[in-house]
Protein backbone atom coordinates (compact mmCIF):
# COMPACT_ATOMS: atom_id res chain seq x y z
CA UNK A 1 102.09 17.56 31.48
CA UNK A 2 101.05 20.34 33.85
CA UNK A 3 103.01 18.64 36.60
CA UNK A 4 106.26 19.24 34.77
CA UNK A 5 105.86 22.94 35.58
CA UNK A 6 106.62 22.00 39.18
CA UNK A 7 110.15 21.06 38.09
CA UNK A 8 110.75 24.55 36.67
CA UNK A 9 110.70 25.92 40.22
CA UNK A 10 114.12 25.15 41.69
CA UNK A 11 112.66 25.24 45.19
CA UNK A 12 110.88 21.95 44.49
CA UNK A 13 114.29 20.27 44.18
CA UNK A 14 115.82 21.69 47.36
CA UNK A 15 112.87 22.41 49.66
CA UNK A 16 109.97 20.40 50.99
CA UNK A 17 106.51 22.00 51.17
CA UNK A 18 104.98 22.46 54.63
CA UNK A 19 101.28 22.58 55.42
CA UNK A 20 101.07 26.38 55.41
CA UNK A 21 102.65 26.52 51.95
CA UNK A 22 100.31 23.82 50.67
CA UNK A 23 97.29 25.67 52.08
CA UNK A 24 98.39 28.92 50.42
CA UNK A 25 98.81 27.14 47.08
CA UNK A 26 95.33 25.64 47.34
CA UNK A 27 93.78 28.98 48.23
CA UNK A 28 95.51 30.61 45.26
CA UNK A 29 94.25 27.93 42.85
CA UNK A 30 90.67 28.19 44.09
CA UNK A 31 90.76 31.98 43.83
CA UNK A 32 91.34 31.68 40.08
CA UNK A 33 88.11 29.76 39.36
CA UNK A 34 84.45 30.68 39.67
CA UNK A 35 83.00 29.78 43.05
CA UNK A 36 79.67 29.13 41.29
CA UNK A 37 81.07 26.40 39.02
CA UNK A 38 81.25 23.06 40.90
CA UNK A 39 83.14 21.33 38.09
CA UNK A 40 85.88 23.96 38.01
CA UNK A 41 86.20 23.82 41.80
CA UNK A 42 86.63 20.04 41.75
CA UNK A 43 89.16 20.26 38.93
CA UNK A 44 91.12 22.93 40.85
CA UNK A 45 91.18 20.62 43.87
CA UNK A 46 92.43 17.75 41.70
CA UNK A 47 95.15 19.89 40.11
CA UNK A 48 96.28 21.01 43.56
CA UNK A 49 96.36 17.45 44.86
CA UNK A 50 98.31 16.17 41.85
CA UNK A 51 100.89 18.97 42.06
CA UNK A 52 101.26 18.70 45.84
CA UNK A 53 101.71 14.92 45.79
CA UNK A 54 104.20 15.30 42.93
CA UNK A 55 106.26 17.76 45.00
CA UNK A 56 106.22 15.35 47.93
CA UNK A 57 107.32 12.54 45.62
CA UNK A 58 110.23 14.65 44.34
CA UNK A 59 111.37 15.29 47.91
CA UNK A 60 110.85 11.61 48.74
CA UNK A 61 112.87 10.27 45.81
CA UNK A 62 115.65 12.82 46.26
CA UNK A 63 116.04 11.90 49.93
CA UNK A 64 115.02 15.34 51.22
CA UNK A 65 112.00 13.95 53.07
CA UNK A 66 112.19 10.97 55.48
CA UNK A 67 109.49 8.32 55.11
CA UNK A 68 107.65 9.39 58.29
CA UNK A 69 107.44 12.96 57.00
CA UNK A 70 106.25 11.76 53.58
CA UNK A 71 103.13 10.30 55.20
CA UNK A 72 102.68 13.49 57.24
CA UNK A 73 102.69 15.66 54.10
CA UNK A 74 100.37 13.29 52.21
CA UNK A 75 97.99 13.46 55.17
CA UNK A 76 98.20 17.27 55.19
CA UNK A 77 97.24 17.29 51.51
CA UNK A 78 94.27 14.99 52.12
CA UNK A 79 93.05 17.05 55.09
CA UNK A 80 93.21 20.28 53.09
CA UNK A 81 91.26 18.67 50.25
CA UNK A 82 88.65 17.27 52.64
CA UNK A 83 88.20 20.67 54.30
CA UNK A 84 87.56 22.29 50.92
CA UNK A 85 85.24 19.48 49.80
CA UNK A 86 83.20 19.94 52.97
CA UNK A 87 83.11 23.72 52.54
CA UNK A 88 82.01 23.43 48.91
CA UNK A 89 79.34 20.85 49.72
CA UNK A 90 78.05 22.98 52.61
CA UNK A 91 77.80 26.06 50.37
CA UNK A 92 76.00 24.14 47.62
CA UNK A 93 73.45 22.41 49.86
CA UNK A 94 72.72 25.44 52.05
CA UNK A 95 72.13 27.49 48.90
CA UNK A 96 69.29 25.10 48.08
CA UNK A 97 67.74 24.51 51.48
CA UNK A 98 69.18 27.02 53.94
CA UNK A 99 71.33 26.41 57.00
CA UNK A 100 70.38 23.65 59.47
CA UNK A 101 69.39 24.87 62.92
CA UNK A 102 68.11 23.20 66.06
CA UNK A 103 66.31 24.42 69.17
CA UNK A 104 67.92 23.34 72.43
CA UNK A 105 66.05 22.46 75.64
CA UNK A 106 66.55 26.04 76.87
CA UNK A 107 64.72 27.35 73.82
CA UNK A 108 67.78 28.78 72.08
CA UNK A 109 67.90 28.31 68.30
CA UNK A 110 71.44 27.66 67.06
CA UNK A 111 73.21 26.71 63.87
CA UNK A 112 74.24 23.06 63.61
CA UNK A 113 77.87 22.04 63.14
CA UNK A 114 79.35 19.08 61.27
CA UNK A 115 82.73 17.37 61.20
CA UNK A 116 84.55 14.51 59.53
CA UNK A 117 86.61 11.97 61.45
CA UNK A 118 89.57 10.31 59.79
CA UNK A 119 89.91 6.61 60.53
CA UNK A 120 92.67 4.20 59.55
CA UNK A 121 95.76 5.61 57.81
CA UNK A 122 94.20 9.06 57.48
CA UNK A 123 93.53 9.29 61.20
CA UNK A 124 96.97 7.89 62.01
CA UNK A 125 98.77 10.28 59.61
CA UNK A 126 100.13 7.28 57.71
CA UNK A 127 98.75 7.90 54.22
CA UNK A 128 100.61 6.49 51.26
CA UNK A 129 100.49 7.63 47.64
CA UNK A 130 97.59 5.34 46.77
CA UNK A 131 95.71 5.27 50.08
CA UNK A 132 91.95 5.74 50.22
CA UNK A 133 90.20 7.84 52.86
CA UNK A 134 88.25 6.24 55.71
CA UNK A 135 85.77 8.91 56.82
CA UNK A 136 82.98 9.13 59.39
CA UNK A 137 80.71 12.20 59.38
CA UNK A 138 79.13 13.62 62.56
CA UNK A 139 76.69 16.42 63.40
CA UNK A 140 75.61 17.99 66.70
CA UNK A 141 71.93 18.67 65.94
CA UNK A 142 69.64 18.01 68.90
CA UNK A 143 66.36 19.16 70.45
CA UNK A 144 62.80 19.21 69.15
CA UNK A 145 62.96 21.67 66.23
CA UNK A 146 65.55 20.47 63.74
CA UNK A 147 65.24 21.89 60.24
CA UNK A 148 66.86 24.29 57.81
CA UNK A 149 65.99 27.99 57.63
CA UNK A 150 65.72 28.41 53.86
CA UNK A 151 62.71 29.20 51.69
CA UNK A 152 62.33 25.45 51.19
CA UNK A 153 63.14 24.11 54.68
CA UNK A 154 63.84 20.43 55.09
CA UNK A 155 64.46 18.20 58.11
CA UNK A 156 68.05 18.33 59.31
CA UNK A 157 68.51 14.59 58.86
CA UNK A 158 67.59 14.87 55.17
CA UNK A 159 70.00 17.80 54.87
CA UNK A 160 72.83 15.82 56.47
CA UNK A 161 72.38 12.82 54.18
CA UNK A 162 72.47 15.04 51.10
CA UNK A 163 75.46 16.91 52.48
CA UNK A 164 77.45 13.75 53.14
CA UNK A 165 76.57 12.41 49.70
CA UNK A 166 77.75 15.65 48.12
CA UNK A 167 81.03 15.58 50.06
CA UNK A 168 81.73 12.01 48.93
CA UNK A 169 80.74 12.94 45.37
CA UNK A 170 83.21 15.86 45.29
CA UNK A 171 86.01 13.64 46.58
CA UNK A 172 85.35 10.76 44.17
CA UNK A 173 83.93 12.21 40.95
CA UNK A 174 86.29 11.99 37.92
CA UNK A 175 87.44 15.32 36.49
CA UNK A 176 89.77 16.38 33.68
CA UNK A 177 92.60 16.31 36.24
CA UNK A 178 91.58 12.91 37.61
CA UNK A 179 89.77 11.65 40.68
CA UNK A 180 90.71 13.07 44.09
CA UNK A 181 90.45 9.99 46.31
CA UNK A 182 88.68 6.72 46.86
CA UNK A 183 86.46 7.15 49.93
CA UNK A 184 85.28 4.46 52.34
CA UNK A 185 82.44 5.37 54.72
CA UNK A 186 81.67 1.82 55.88
CA UNK A 187 83.39 2.37 59.24
CA UNK A 188 80.47 4.51 60.42
CA UNK A 189 78.35 3.11 63.30
CA UNK A 190 76.50 -0.04 62.19
CA UNK A 191 78.45 -0.10 58.92
CA UNK A 192 76.49 -0.16 55.66
CA UNK A 193 73.24 -0.33 57.60
CA UNK A 194 73.96 2.87 59.54
CA UNK A 195 73.16 6.47 58.67
CA UNK A 196 75.69 8.20 56.42
CA UNK A 197 76.13 10.95 59.02
CA UNK A 198 75.67 10.32 62.76
CA UNK A 199 74.56 12.52 65.65
CA UNK A 200 77.49 13.22 67.98
CA UNK A 201 75.93 11.93 71.23
CA UNK A 202 74.66 8.81 69.47
CA UNK A 203 78.15 8.20 68.09
CA UNK A 204 79.67 8.48 71.59
CA UNK A 205 77.07 6.07 73.00
CA UNK A 206 77.75 3.62 70.16
CA UNK A 207 81.49 3.72 70.83
CA UNK A 208 80.97 3.10 74.56
CA UNK A 209 78.29 0.42 74.38
CA UNK A 210 78.17 -1.30 70.98
CA UNK A 211 81.35 -0.81 68.93
CA UNK A 212 83.65 -3.77 68.31
CA UNK A 213 87.28 -3.65 69.42
CA UNK A 214 88.47 -3.27 65.83
CA UNK A 215 86.29 -0.17 65.50
CA UNK A 216 88.09 1.40 68.46
CA UNK A 217 91.42 0.45 66.93
CA UNK A 218 90.42 1.99 63.59
């Protein structure tokens, strides 16, 4: 029923939302909930996704939005949700264990970075209304000293596994507003037998030396 409110705004019948407008709407929704309540954050994400997809569907059915642009907007929505899911997961895991750092060969200690790669329809900006998300997670941790800086430090690899699990959980857990997306992480190097999150250089080496042709195509 909440989605019917979207029809009360006449702009939804004559205008199509762009990425900047979608991002502003998401930011506004998240600002209204407690940042310390994971369930509320997930529900806010789900409400945003439902409303945004509904607005795209209105523009699609009314002929305002060509098919190619429909998939673009659906991909924008997914990317915005993934960015927030990653940010929320990062905040939750670093609160427990601190931020992952690594010491390079030159002795410099730096904070580690992570990213998510979109494969398949997500990567090709061809998402449909019921598409799942093919994701591969990477990190750039390297060197001898690789651990978090919290009061309870853990090895970076343990941190990354828990982080990736939390990201997938946020994207797939049911909430009062529904589930965000189905997520497939089996396209990572070595498939089900591979690590849930891969070191960047190792990923590049895998793509050059071991990956199958279909993995390059994906």
